[in-house]
Each structure stands twice: as structure tokens, then as C-alpha cells.
Protein backbone atom coordinates (compact mmCIF):
# COMPACT_ATOMS: atom_id res chain seq x y z
CA UNK A 1 57.43 2.77 -35.73
CA UNK A 2 58.68 5.09 -38.45
CA UNK A 3 56.80 8.35 -39.05
CA UNK A 4 57.12 10.47 -42.18
CA UNK A 5 57.14 14.22 -41.55
CA UNK A 6 56.00 16.18 -44.61
CA UNK A 7 55.68 19.82 -45.60
CA UNK A 8 52.38 21.05 -44.10
CA UNK A 9 49.68 22.77 -46.09
CA UNK A 10 50.92 26.19 -47.19
CA UNK A 11 48.95 29.45 -46.94
CA UNK A 12 46.66 30.43 -49.79
CA UNK A 13 48.49 31.81 -52.84
CA UNK A 14 51.79 30.30 -51.62
CA UNK A 15 53.00 27.48 -53.88
CA UNK A 16 56.27 26.48 -52.21
CA UNK A 17 58.68 27.23 -49.37
CA UNK A 18 62.42 27.31 -48.74
CA UNK A 19 64.10 25.33 -45.96
CA UNK A 20 65.79 27.99 -43.84
CA UNK A 21 67.32 25.89 -41.08
CA UNK A 22 67.10 22.47 -39.51
CA UNK A 23 66.61 22.59 -35.75
CA UNK A 24 67.56 18.92 -35.37
CA UNK A 25 70.02 16.51 -37.00
CA UNK A 26 70.04 12.76 -37.64
CA UNK A 27 70.24 10.88 -34.35
CA UNK A 28 68.81 13.70 -32.24
CA UNK A 29 65.96 12.92 -29.88
CA UNK A 30 62.86 15.07 -30.10
CA UNK A 31 59.68 15.54 -28.15
CA UNK A 32 56.18 15.94 -29.49
CA UNK A 33 55.47 19.48 -30.82
CA UNK A 34 59.17 20.42 -30.66
CA UNK A 35 60.18 22.49 -33.75
CA UNK A 36 62.13 20.43 -36.30
CA UNK A 37 62.70 22.80 -39.22
CA UNK A 38 61.92 26.37 -40.32
CA UNK A 39 60.27 26.87 -43.71
CA UNK A 40 60.27 30.35 -45.26
CA UNK A 41 57.59 31.49 -47.69
CA UNK A 42 57.34 34.91 -49.27
CA UNK A 43 55.07 35.94 -46.41
CA UNK A 44 55.90 34.10 -43.17
CA UNK A 45 58.27 31.59 -41.56
CA UNK A 46 56.60 28.30 -40.66
CA UNK A 47 57.83 25.97 -37.94
CA UNK A 48 57.25 22.25 -38.56
CA UNK A 49 56.75 20.48 -35.20
CA UNK A 50 57.46 16.86 -34.32
CA UNK A 51 54.25 14.78 -34.45
CA UNK A 52 55.49 12.47 -31.65
CA UNK A 53 58.42 11.69 -29.36
CA UNK A 54 61.24 9.92 -31.16
CA UNK A 55 64.61 10.00 -32.88
CA UNK A 56 65.53 11.63 -36.19
CA UNK A 57 66.22 8.68 -38.49
CA UNK A 58 66.78 10.42 -41.84
CA UNK A 59 66.64 13.94 -43.28
CA UNK A 60 65.52 14.02 -46.91
CA UNK A 61 65.95 17.73 -47.73
CA UNK A 62 68.85 20.15 -47.25
CA UNK A 63 68.86 23.76 -46.10
CA UNK A 64 68.14 26.02 -49.04
CA UNK A 65 66.02 23.45 -50.88
CA UNK A 66 62.65 24.57 -52.24
CA UNK A 67 59.82 22.24 -51.20
CA UNK A 68 56.10 21.98 -51.84
CA UNK A 69 53.17 21.00 -49.64
CA UNK A 70 53.14 17.27 -48.92
CA UNK A 71 56.80 16.74 -49.82
CA UNK A 72 58.76 14.45 -47.47
CA UNK A 73 61.05 16.30 -45.07
CA UNK A 74 62.35 13.66 -42.66
CA UNK A 75 61.74 10.25 -41.13
CA UNK A 76 61.17 9.96 -37.40
CA UNK A 77 61.47 6.77 -35.37
CA UNK A 78 58.83 6.92 -32.67
CA UNK A 79 59.93 5.92 -29.18
CA UNK A 80 58.38 5.77 -25.73
CA UNK A 81 61.70 5.80 -23.89
CA UNK A 82 61.31 7.83 -20.71
CA UNK A 83 63.87 10.53 -20.18
CA UNK A 84 65.27 11.79 -16.91
CA UNK A 85 65.57 15.39 -15.80
CA UNK A 86 69.04 15.75 -17.26
CA UNK A 87 67.79 14.79 -20.69
CA UNK A 88 69.36 11.29 -20.84
CA UNK A 89 67.20 8.19 -21.31
CA UNK A 90 67.28 4.82 -19.59
CA UNK A 91 68.46 3.18 -22.81
CA UNK A 92 70.73 5.92 -24.11
CA UNK A 93 73.15 7.52 -21.71
CA UNK A 94 75.39 9.25 -24.25
CA UNK A 95 74.75 13.00 -24.27
CA UNK A 96 73.95 14.62 -27.59
CA UNK A 97 75.92 17.66 -28.64
CA UNK A 98 73.96 20.74 -29.63
CA UNK A 99 74.97 21.70 -33.15
CA UNK A 100 75.23 25.34 -34.13
CA UNK A 101 72.50 26.42 -36.55
CA UNK A 102 73.81 28.27 -39.61
CA UNK A 103 71.56 29.75 -42.28
CA UNK A 104 72.25 28.71 -45.90
CA UNK A 105 73.54 32.14 -46.96
CA UNK A 106 75.87 32.28 -43.95
CA UNK A 107 77.09 28.73 -44.57
CA UNK A 108 77.88 29.60 -48.19
CA UNK A 109 79.99 32.58 -47.14
CA UNK A 110 81.82 30.50 -44.54
CA UNK A 111 82.73 27.87 -47.14
CA UNK A 112 83.72 30.42 -49.79
CA UNK A 113 86.13 32.19 -47.45
CA UNK A 114 87.43 29.15 -45.60
CA UNK A 115 86.22 30.36 -42.19
CA UNK A 116 85.78 28.34 -39.02
CA UNK A 117 82.13 28.41 -37.99
CA UNK A 118 83.09 27.79 -34.35
CA UNK A 119 84.70 31.25 -34.25
CA UNK A 120 81.51 33.03 -35.32
CA UNK A 121 78.85 33.97 -32.79
CA UNK A 122 75.24 33.89 -33.93
CA UNK A 123 72.80 36.73 -33.24
CA UNK A 124 69.72 35.05 -34.71
CA UNK A 125 67.03 33.02 -33.04
CA UNK A 126 68.42 30.24 -30.80
CA UNK A 127 71.95 31.46 -31.54
CA UNK A 128 71.53 30.99 -35.29
CA UNK A 129 74.43 32.31 -37.37
CA UNK A 130 73.20 34.83 -39.96
CA UNK A 131 75.02 36.22 -42.98
CA UNK A 132 75.34 39.51 -41.10
CA UNK A 133 77.26 37.69 -38.36
CA UNK A 134 79.70 36.29 -40.92
CA UNK A 135 80.20 39.69 -42.55
CA UNK A 136 80.76 41.32 -39.15
CA UNK A 137 83.29 38.59 -38.26
CA UNK A 138 85.14 39.08 -41.54
CA UNK A 139 85.23 42.85 -41.38
CA UNK A 140 87.21 43.27 -38.18
CA UNK A 141 90.10 40.94 -39.09
CA UNK A 142 90.40 42.62 -42.48
CA UNK A 143 90.62 46.03 -40.87
CA UNK A 144 93.26 44.81 -38.43
CA UNK A 145 95.20 43.15 -41.21
CA UNK A 146 95.00 46.25 -43.34
CA UNK A 147 96.17 48.39 -40.45
CA UNK A 148 99.05 46.03 -39.71
CA UNK A 149 100.15 45.95 -43.34
CA UNK A 150 100.01 49.72 -43.56
CA UNK A 151 102.08 50.03 -40.40
CA UNK A 152 104.56 47.51 -41.83
CA UNK A 153 104.96 49.58 -44.96
CA UNK A 154 105.60 52.68 -42.88
CA UNK A 155 108.17 51.14 -40.52
CA UNK A 156 109.95 48.57 -42.68
CA UNK A 157 110.01 50.21 -46.11
CA UNK A 158 110.26 53.98 -45.68
CA UNK A 159 110.33 55.94 -48.95
CA UNK A 160 113.85 56.35 -50.35
CA UNK A 161 115.01 59.45 -52.21
CA UNK A 162 118.07 59.77 -54.43
CA UNK A 163 120.24 62.84 -53.71
CA UNK A 164 121.67 64.45 -56.86
CA UNK A 165 124.69 66.75 -56.43
CA UNK A 166 124.28 69.88 -58.50
CA UNK A 167 124.69 73.60 -58.17
CA UNK A 168 120.99 74.30 -57.60
CA UNK A 169 119.31 71.73 -55.40
CA UNK A 170 116.33 70.22 -57.13
CA UNK A 171 113.09 69.87 -55.16
CA UNK A 172 112.42 66.41 -53.82
CA UNK A 173 109.33 64.88 -55.41
CA UNK A 174 106.67 63.39 -53.12
CA UNK A 175 106.16 59.62 -53.15
CA UNK A 176 104.24 58.37 -56.17
CA UNK A 177 100.66 57.27 -55.66
CA UNK A 178 101.67 53.72 -56.53
CA UNK A 179 103.74 53.57 -53.35
CA UNK A 180 100.58 53.66 -51.22
CA UNK A 181 99.61 50.27 -49.86
CA UNK A 182 96.78 48.76 -51.90
CA UNK A 183 96.90 45.26 -50.53
CA UNK A 184 93.76 45.66 -48.36
CA UNK A 185 90.96 43.46 -49.66
CA UNK A 186 87.98 45.25 -51.21
CA UNK A 187 85.11 43.13 -49.93
CA UNK A 188 82.09 42.63 -52.15
CA UNK A 189 79.47 40.02 -51.37
CA UNK A 190 76.61 38.71 -53.49
CA UNK A 191 73.80 37.37 -51.34
CA UNK A 192 70.44 36.16 -52.66
CA UNK A 193 67.34 37.94 -51.42
CA UNK A 194 65.26 36.15 -48.83
CA UNK A 195 61.80 35.23 -50.03
CA UNK A 196 60.27 37.89 -47.79
CA UNK A 197 62.65 40.60 -49.04
CA UNK A 198 61.86 39.62 -52.65
CA UNK A 199 58.15 39.82 -51.88
CA UNK A 200 58.57 43.23 -50.27
CA UNK A 201 60.38 44.48 -53.36
CA UNK A 202 57.63 43.09 -55.59
CA UNK A 203 54.89 44.76 -53.55
CA UNK A 204 56.64 48.13 -53.50
CA UNK A 205 57.09 48.11 -57.26
CA UNK A 206 53.47 47.03 -57.67
CA UNK A 207 52.31 49.98 -55.57
CA UNK A 208 54.36 52.51 -57.54
CA UNK A 209 53.41 51.10 -60.95
CA UNK A 210 49.70 50.55 -60.33
CA UNK A 211 48.69 53.52 -58.16
CA UNK A 212 48.81 57.28 -58.57
CA UNK A 213 50.61 57.95 -55.30
CA UNK A 214 50.65 61.47 -53.91
CA UNK A 215 51.72 62.64 -50.44
CA UNK A 216 50.39 65.53 -48.37
CA UNK A 217 51.95 66.81 -45.14
CA UNK A 218 50.97 68.49 -41.92
CA UNK A 219 52.36 68.84 -38.41
CA UNK A 220 50.89 68.13 -35.01
CA UNK A 221 51.62 69.51 -31.57
CA UNK A 222 52.21 66.41 -29.45
CA UNK A 223 52.06 68.25 -26.10
CA UNK A 224 48.42 67.31 -25.28
CA UNK A 225 49.04 63.62 -25.99
CA UNK A 226 52.33 63.67 -24.08
CA UNK A 227 50.66 65.33 -21.07
CA UNK A 228 47.82 62.82 -21.13
CA UNK A 229 50.22 59.91 -21.43
CA UNK A 230 52.48 61.14 -18.62
CA UNK A 231 49.48 61.64 -16.35
CA UNK A 232 48.04 58.15 -16.76
CA UNK A 233 50.91 55.91 -17.90
CA UNK A 234 51.59 54.45 -14.43
CA UNK A 235 47.92 53.71 -13.73
CA UNK A 236 47.55 52.34 -17.27
CA UNK A 237 50.50 49.96 -16.82
CA UNK A 238 49.26 48.83 -13.41
CA UNK A 239 45.72 48.12 -14.64
CA UNK A 240 46.39 46.63 -18.10
CA UNK A 241 49.97 45.33 -17.70
CA UNK A 242 51.04 47.05 -20.91
CA UNK A 243 52.71 50.40 -21.55
CA UNK A 244 50.72 53.31 -22.95
CA UNK A 245 52.45 54.42 -26.12
CA UNK A 246 51.71 56.92 -28.86
CA UNK A 247 50.64 54.40 -31.51
CA UNK A 248 47.28 53.66 -29.88
CA UNK A 249 46.39 57.37 -30.01
CA UNK A 250 47.32 57.52 -33.69
CA UNK A 251 45.25 54.43 -34.45
CA UNK A 252 42.24 55.97 -32.69
CA UNK A 253 42.73 59.31 -34.45
CA UNK A 254 43.07 57.58 -37.82
CA UNK A 255 39.83 55.65 -37.30
CA UNK A 256 37.96 58.87 -36.51
CA UNK A 257 39.33 60.40 -39.72
CA UNK A 258 38.52 57.26 -41.74
CA UNK A 259 34.91 57.43 -40.59
CA UNK A 260 34.65 60.97 -41.92
CA UNK A 261 36.44 60.23 -45.21
CA UNK A 262 35.52 56.66 -46.25
CA UNK A 263 37.40 56.92 -49.57
CA UNK A 264 40.69 56.69 -47.65
CA UNK A 265 39.47 53.38 -46.21
CA UNK A 266 38.46 52.08 -49.64
CA UNK A 267 40.31 50.14 -52.35
CA UNK A 268 40.14 49.65 -56.11
CA UNK A 269 39.16 46.26 -57.56
CA UNK A 270 39.27 46.40 -61.34
CA UNK A 271 36.85 49.14 -62.37
CA UNK A 272 35.09 49.15 -59.00
CA UNK A 273 35.70 51.06 -55.78
CA UNK A 274 35.20 48.86 -52.71
CA UNK A 275 34.15 50.82 -49.61
CA UNK A 276 34.95 48.83 -46.49
CA UNK A 277 32.47 49.02 -43.62
CA UNK A 278 35.11 47.93 -41.12
CA UNK A 279 38.49 49.24 -39.97
CA UNK A 280 41.38 46.78 -40.18
CA UNK A 281 44.46 48.88 -39.49
CA UNK A 282 47.93 47.62 -40.43
CA UNK A 283 50.89 48.64 -38.28
CA UNK A 284 54.32 48.48 -39.94
CA UNK A 285 56.95 46.71 -37.82
CA UNK A 286 60.65 46.30 -38.54
CA UNK A 287 61.64 42.64 -38.11
CA UNK A 288 64.99 40.86 -38.60
CA UNK A 289 63.65 39.56 -41.93
CA UNK A 290 62.35 42.90 -43.19
CA UNK A 291 59.30 45.13 -42.90
CA UNK A 292 56.07 43.37 -41.95
CA UNK A 293 52.59 44.86 -41.55
CA UNK A 294 50.37 42.85 -39.16
CA UNK A 295 46.75 43.95 -38.97
CA UNK A 296 44.60 45.09 -36.06
CA UNK A 297 41.21 43.55 -36.93
CA UNK A 298 38.17 45.72 -36.14
CA UNK A 299 40.44 48.31 -34.57
CA UNK A 300 37.46 50.63 -34.07
CA UNK A 301 36.15 48.22 -31.43
CA UNK A 302 39.46 48.16 -29.51
CA UNK A 303 40.35 50.19 -26.46
CA UNK A 304 43.73 51.88 -26.12
CA UNK A 305 44.86 48.93 -23.99
CA UNK A 306 43.69 46.41 -26.62
CA UNK A 307 45.63 48.24 -29.32
CA UNK A 308 48.82 48.48 -27.26
CA UNK A 309 48.56 44.83 -26.21
CA UNK A 310 48.07 43.62 -29.77
CA UNK A 311 50.95 45.74 -31.09
CA UNK A 312 53.27 44.43 -28.36
CA UNK A 313 52.28 40.89 -29.31
CA UNK A 314 52.99 41.61 -32.99
CA UNK A 315 56.43 43.01 -32.15
CA UNK A 316 57.28 39.89 -30.13
CA UNK A 317 56.08 37.60 -32.90
CA UNK A 318 58.04 39.55 -35.53
CA UNK A 319 61.27 39.30 -33.53
CA UNK A 320 60.86 35.54 -33.13
CA UNK A 321 59.54 34.78 -36.65
CA UNK A 322 56.16 33.69 -35.29
CA UNK A 323 53.88 35.96 -37.33
CA UNK A 324 51.28 33.90 -39.14
CA UNK A 325 49.70 34.52 -42.51
CA UNK A 326 46.44 35.45 -40.77
CA UNK A 327 48.24 38.20 -38.86
CA UNK A 328 49.22 39.99 -42.07
CA UNK A 329 46.34 39.27 -44.43
CA UNK A 330 44.03 42.10 -45.42
CA UNK A 331 44.02 45.57 -43.94
CA UNK A 332 42.16 48.67 -45.11
CA UNK A 333 44.62 51.36 -43.95
CA UNK A 334 48.16 51.37 -42.55
CA UNK A 335 50.42 53.34 -40.21
CA UNK A 336 54.20 53.45 -40.20
CA UNK A 337 56.40 55.16 -37.63
CA UNK A 338 59.79 56.12 -39.02
CA UNK A 339 60.25 58.46 -36.09
CA UNK A 340 61.48 55.62 -33.88
CA UNK A 341 64.55 55.48 -36.13
CA UNK A 342 65.01 59.26 -36.21
CA UNK A 343 63.24 60.06 -39.47
CA UNK A 344 62.27 63.74 -39.68
CA UNK A 345 60.13 63.47 -42.83
CA UNK A 346 59.35 60.80 -45.41
CA UNK A 347 56.85 59.79 -48.10
CA UNK A 348 55.57 56.31 -47.17
CA UNK A 349 54.52 53.90 -49.92
CA UNK A 350 50.98 52.54 -49.99
CA UNK A 351 50.49 48.90 -49.02
CA UNK A 352 48.35 47.60 -51.93
CA UNK A 353 45.44 47.20 -52.40
CA UNK A 354 44.98 49.85 -49.72
CA UNK A 355 44.56 53.47 -50.75
CA UNK A 356 46.26 55.30 -47.89
CA UNK A 357 49.06 55.12 -45.35
CA UNK A 358 49.93 57.50 -42.52
CA UNK A 359 53.60 58.23 -41.84
CA UNK A 360 54.64 59.32 -38.33
CA UNK A 361 58.00 60.94 -37.63
CA UNK A 362 60.39 62.10 -34.93
CA UNK A 363 59.05 64.37 -32.20
CA UNK A 364 61.25 67.44 -31.93
CA UNK A 365 61.05 70.72 -30.05
CA UNK A 366 60.44 73.55 -32.52
CA UNK A 367 59.51 77.23 -32.15
CA UNK A 368 55.82 77.85 -32.71
CA UNK A 369 53.73 81.04 -32.59
CA UNK A 370 50.83 80.93 -30.12
CA UNK A 371 48.87 84.05 -29.17
CA UNK A 372 51.52 86.17 -30.90
CA UNK A 373 54.26 84.66 -28.76
CA UNK A 374 57.04 82.28 -29.77
CA UNK A 375 57.03 79.11 -27.66
CA UNK A 376 58.78 75.73 -27.90
CA UNK A 377 56.50 72.79 -28.65
CA UNK A 378 57.12 69.07 -29.28
CA UNK A 379 56.13 68.86 -32.95
CA UNK A 380 55.79 65.91 -35.29
CA UNK A 381 55.47 65.98 -39.07
CA UNK A 382 52.71 63.77 -40.46
CA UNK A 383 52.64 62.43 -44.02
CA UNK A 384 49.66 60.88 -45.77
CA UNK A 385 50.41 59.00 -48.98
CA UNK A 386 47.24 58.24 -50.91
CA UNK A 387 45.98 56.86 -54.21
CA UNK A 388 44.91 59.90 -56.19
CA UNK A 389 42.74 57.74 -58.43
CA UNK A 390 39.99 57.56 -55.79
CA UNK A 391 41.04 60.15 -53.20
CA UNK A 392 40.94 63.81 -54.13
CA UNK A 393 43.53 66.22 -52.81
CA UNK A 394 40.96 68.09 -50.74
CA UNK A 395 39.87 64.85 -49.04
CA UNK A 396 43.46 63.91 -48.28
CA UNK A 397 44.24 67.30 -46.75
CA UNK A 398 41.07 67.30 -44.64
CA UNK A 399 41.75 63.73 -43.55
CA UNK A 400 45.16 64.74 -42.23
CA UNK A 401 43.70 67.83 -40.55
CA UNK A 402 41.12 65.60 -38.83
CA UNK A 403 43.92 63.47 -37.38
CA UNK A 404 45.75 66.60 -36.26
CA UNK A 405 42.61 67.97 -34.57
CA UNK A 406 42.00 64.76 -32.62
CA UNK A 407 45.61 64.45 -31.46
CA UNK A 408 45.80 68.08 -30.36
CA UNK A 409 42.48 67.76 -28.50
CA UNK A 410 42.05 64.09 -27.46
CA UNK A 411 38.72 64.85 -25.77
CA UNK A 412 37.21 64.91 -29.27
CA UNK A 413 37.35 61.09 -29.26
CA UNK A 414 35.07 61.00 -26.20
CA UNK A 415 32.46 63.44 -27.50
CA UNK A 416 32.70 62.35 -31.15
CA UNK A 417 33.45 65.73 -32.75
């Protein structure tokens, strides 16, 4: 029996999707729930699973095509043929060759430059060849070729000078600039934005155009948190099977500050200010497709272990393109940690329609004055970007001080002061 596999229902506010890569080709056997194709929207990547065991009879759309919900993707011939452990069936003994998956942008570059895809190793999911892999493959040969050509110029065609006999020897002029080898290719590539990258760009411009963004700074002594973490990290890992990081402390500190300054947890809707009676905290994560901000729902009800476990799950999903639209919808406040990449100080951009975002940075030993003595302390700069339309400067400064107070004296969380 032939089964038509169509584009599933898309998330709200998403009208279409782009076919990123086919997991299977015509003639391939598939099992029920096995991924067939990846569809990229401007928010998430969706995997379309096989509805039943069978064989791929026909593929109706190509990689790079834009499709809408309900549009036909492929035809599947259902089969009940039992397969053995080695993957061959009783009726079909010929092994199927696994075809390398190449993204549309990478495939375009390969065709344009006449490259052999078999020579290019993929670093994406399931060995998928990305455009970055093609560029990396092209760069090294060009450098080698350029180096070889330069060496050839030096050894085979040394500069020649004409000697003129005269009473006063004339100075020999240096080689003209035109004699320098210019045969090395100057690579310039034009690659279309992914839908997610285009959406990120749109959101960032929206935030800057529609909000009065201002940033205030402070610094925090991380020694108390580091001591607490070092003391309990082994017991924490043993009991909860997840590592105790710094982010859970910052989430807890932020929630305490949000409770004291509800305007930072609010948002603007037209001419109204919406004060949220819950705390859905977004945590920015760098993924292969760009920055994503999954949300910790009701973070105020979570323990440190719950927060760390959820963040670890988000990181895993982001790496494997498994974040769903529900993971990233909403959020009343966000945190971003540029310190993991070495950032000393930055001004984060608000994630609309939120009104505030906390930027964390690199921990570095710096001289501090304590009790009239200079001591070294592990310090971190904090940055709060906020919408000045509903948050006054005094509120923003006090909000950041509240976070600093909690982090420098974590016992405040227990006693609620």
C-alpha cells in the first residue's frame, strides 16, 4: 500500500518551512518513526518521521524547496518484510549504500567550484556536510597552492637586474611591486542566511528600533559561590546526576531580584504594561544554527538541580537540532553568558517583548580593596540591559545590586533577605 507523507502542521505564526536535508533516498528502506527529512522554519528544525515501515517510492520535493503545511513530501510503499539483524530482508538481500548528506548551501558551493563531495568530511549531525566544511576544505588547498606558486616564483624566476657600465655606479632599484606574485585566489563566498539566522537578525533589529535600551554595569565577587560549589559539587553530582554550575545560582539570584523589582519582569503591549506573576527565565545557548533562547518555565519553583538538569537538556537539544517551538516560546527575562567564550564586558540586547536581560562575563582574578588591604578576588562584570520606557535607572541599578548581594552572600536565598 502506498502512503503519502506530507508536511506536518507548522507552529503558530509559521507559514512555511525549507527542506534542509533528506535523510533517505528513493529505494531506501525505512522503519516506523525513523526520520525522513529535516524541515527548517525561522524558529526550529522539524524532523518528519516515517508513519510506517516501508520503502521510499518517490520524493516530490528537493532540498532547498520551500513547502507549506499539508504539501506532499514523498510517497512510501508500506511493507511487512521482516529484516534480519544485519539489516537485510528475506526478499531483498542487496545491501543499500548510505549516501552522504549535504546541505543545500554546501552542495551549491561544491557544484560551483567543481569539488568532489567524497573528499569532504562532514561535521554536522549524522556526518552532514555543511558549508563551513566546504569552505574549510577549499581553504587549505588554496593556501598550499599559493605557497607553492610563491616558492616557484622565488626559485625558478629570480629577479634579473641589468648592469650598466659607467663611471659612477648607479644604485640598483628594488623589484617593482608588479613582480610580486598575485596569482593566489581571493576567495569571496555569497551564502544565503538560514531561516533561523534571518529571524535572529529581524528580532535584534526589532529590539533596537522599538525599545529604549540602556545598559548598567556592576561587578560581583564570585569567591563565595565558587567556595560553595567546590564544597558540594561532588555530592551534588552523586545525588542528582548533573553537574553544579554557576548558571543555576544566577537564575536563583535573578528571580530574587525580579520579585523585588517587578518592572524588570514586565513587558509592554501597545499602551499597556503587562506585569507577569510568574518567572519564565530564558537562557541563551549557542547552537550550530545560531543563538537560541529556550525558557525555564516557572523557574522560581525549580531547585538548583532542576535548573541545571533543564539547561543540560536544552544544550543537548540545541546541538542536535531537537529544540521545539514550545521550548523557546515566551519568557519574561533572559540570561546570557558571554564569559564562556572569554568576553570581559558586553551590552546584551533585549529579547523582545521582554524588558531586561542579564549579561554574565569571564571570571578573572583582580585586585580588590578589603579592610584597607589589597587582595586578589575572582571578579565578574555583570551587565543589565533594560527597556528604559518602563524601567527607571534607579530600579535597574538596584536590581543589579540585588543580584550582586545574593551571589556574594548565597545564604540570603535561604532566609529571604
